[in-house]
Amino acid sequence: MTQRHTARDRAHTLLSATERRFVLSHLNGQAKPEPLSSVAAAFVAWQEGERPTDVSYDEQREVAVVFHHVHLPMLGRAGVLDYDSDDRAVTAWRHDNLHDRWLDDPPVDRLAKAVEE
């Protein structure tokens, strides 16, 4: 398998989950860390079509647990964001070329290039 093919596979894997695409889109351009609870509430609000302040604690907590154990560590290992699991804070992703419409049309080639670096 070629290195480029492997990077494309990694990019497809990273973008295969709506949760990970949302996190990348949500954090785009943010300069300071965001609490995991805030990211989780924003995701639930986006899914349900409501405001983050209307999301119940139980809904937010359920998503935060999955983000903490699955999605954020995966994105962190790929090098596209920083996740401090002790502080439960997510820092904006590092690759400037990954900023288009993540939720509607994931740019797999650009992500593949970023994870090759």
Protein backbone atom coordinates (compact mmCIF):
# COMPACT_ATOMS: atom_id res chain seq x y z
CA MET A 1 0.00 0.00 0.00
CA THR A 2 1.40 3.41 -0.91
CA GLN A 3 1.93 6.16 1.64
CA ARG A 4 -0.60 8.37 -0.17
CA HIS A 5 -3.17 5.58 -0.17
CA THR A 6 -2.61 5.03 3.55
CA ALA A 7 -3.07 8.75 4.25
CA ARG A 8 -6.31 8.77 2.23
CA ASP A 9 -7.56 5.78 4.23
CA ARG A 10 -6.73 7.59 7.48
CA ALA A 11 -8.51 10.71 6.24
CA HIS A 12 -11.60 8.68 5.30
CA THR A 13 -11.57 7.04 8.72
CA LEU A 14 -11.29 10.40 10.49
CA LEU A 15 -14.17 11.84 8.48
CA SER A 16 -16.37 8.74 8.63
CA ALA A 17 -18.10 9.85 11.83
CA THR A 18 -20.43 12.83 11.91
CA GLU A 19 -19.16 13.62 15.40
CA ARG A 20 -15.57 14.07 14.19
CA ARG A 21 -16.62 16.16 11.19
CA PHE A 22 -18.66 18.35 13.51
CA VAL A 23 -15.78 18.84 15.96
CA LEU A 24 -13.42 19.91 13.17
CA SER A 25 -16.00 22.29 11.73
CA HIS A 26 -16.96 23.68 15.15
CA LEU A 27 -13.38 24.35 16.23
CA ASN A 28 -12.30 25.91 12.96
CA GLY A 29 -10.56 29.21 13.65
CA GLN A 30 -10.90 29.15 17.43
CA ALA A 31 -7.72 30.30 19.12
CA LYS A 32 -8.30 29.17 22.70
CA PRO A 33 -9.28 25.84 24.26
CA GLU A 34 -12.96 25.00 24.52
CA PRO A 35 -14.35 22.81 27.30
CA LEU A 36 -15.47 19.34 26.26
CA SER A 37 -18.89 20.03 27.77
CA SER A 38 -19.33 23.03 25.46
CA VAL A 39 -18.33 21.06 22.36
CA ALA A 40 -20.70 18.24 23.34
CA ALA A 41 -23.59 20.65 23.96
CA ALA A 42 -22.95 22.33 20.60
CA PHE A 43 -23.06 18.94 18.86
CA VAL A 44 -26.36 17.94 20.49
CA ALA A 45 -27.82 21.36 19.68
CA TRP A 46 -26.73 21.04 16.05
CA GLN A 47 -28.28 17.56 15.81
CA GLU A 48 -31.52 18.58 17.47
CA GLY A 49 -31.82 22.01 15.84
CA GLU A 50 -31.80 23.88 19.13
CA ARG A 51 -29.53 26.25 21.03
CA PRO A 52 -26.66 24.85 23.11
CA THR A 53 -28.21 26.42 26.20
CA ASP A 54 -31.34 24.29 25.64
CA VAL A 55 -29.43 20.99 25.76
CA SER A 56 -30.03 18.98 28.93
CA TYR A 57 -27.15 17.95 31.15
CA ASP A 58 -27.88 14.27 30.47
CA GLU A 59 -27.77 14.76 26.69
CA GLN A 60 -24.56 16.76 26.89
CA ARG A 61 -22.95 14.27 29.28
CA GLU A 62 -23.80 11.27 27.09
CA VAL A 63 -22.13 12.85 24.06
CA ALA A 64 -19.19 14.14 26.13
CA VAL A 65 -18.39 10.61 27.30
CA VAL A 66 -18.24 9.31 23.73
CA PHE A 67 -16.21 12.31 22.57
CA HIS A 68 -13.79 11.85 25.49
CA HIS A 69 -13.21 8.13 24.94
CA VAL A 70 -13.51 7.80 21.15
CA HIS A 71 -13.55 10.83 18.87
CA LEU A 72 -11.24 13.38 20.48
CA PRO A 73 -8.39 10.95 21.17
CA MET A 74 -8.60 9.73 17.56
CA LEU A 75 -8.43 13.28 16.20
CA GLY A 76 -5.61 14.09 18.61
CA ARG A 77 -3.55 11.06 17.54
CA ALA A 78 -4.00 12.15 13.92
CA GLY A 79 -2.59 15.55 14.82
CA VAL A 80 -5.53 17.65 13.71
CA LEU A 81 -6.40 18.97 17.18
CA ASP A 82 -5.16 18.93 20.76
CA TYR A 83 -7.26 17.30 23.44
CA ASP A 84 -6.25 17.62 27.08
CA SER A 85 -8.08 14.70 28.65
CA ASP A 86 -7.17 15.81 32.19
CA ASP A 87 -8.62 19.30 31.76
CA ARG A 88 -11.24 18.08 29.28
CA ALA A 89 -10.38 20.91 26.88
CA VAL A 90 -10.16 20.85 23.10
CA THR A 91 -7.87 23.21 21.22
CA ALA A 92 -8.47 24.25 17.64
CA TRP A 93 -7.11 22.01 14.95
CA ARG A 94 -3.77 22.90 13.46
CA HIS A 95 -4.07 22.59 9.69
CA ASP A 96 -5.06 25.79 7.91
CA ASN A 97 -5.98 23.95 4.71
CA LEU A 98 -8.83 22.05 6.38
CA HIS A 99 -11.57 24.61 6.65
CA ASP A 100 -14.29 23.96 4.08
CA ARG A 101 -17.78 22.55 4.56
CA TRP A 102 -16.93 19.55 6.76
CA LEU A 103 -20.49 18.50 7.39
CA ASP A 104 -21.73 18.56 3.80
CA ASP A 105 -18.69 17.86 1.64
CA PRO A 106 -15.65 16.55 3.54
CA PRO A 107 -12.41 17.45 1.70
CA VAL A 108 -10.74 14.07 2.07
CA ASP A 109 -7.75 14.90 -0.13
CA ARG A 110 -6.79 17.88 2.03
CA LEU A 111 -7.15 15.88 5.22
CA ALA A 112 -5.07 13.10 3.69
CA LYS A 113 -2.35 15.63 2.94
CA ALA A 114 -2.52 16.99 6.49
CA VAL A 115 -2.21 13.59 8.16
CA GLU A 116 0.78 12.76 5.93
CA GLU A 117 2.74 15.63 7.52
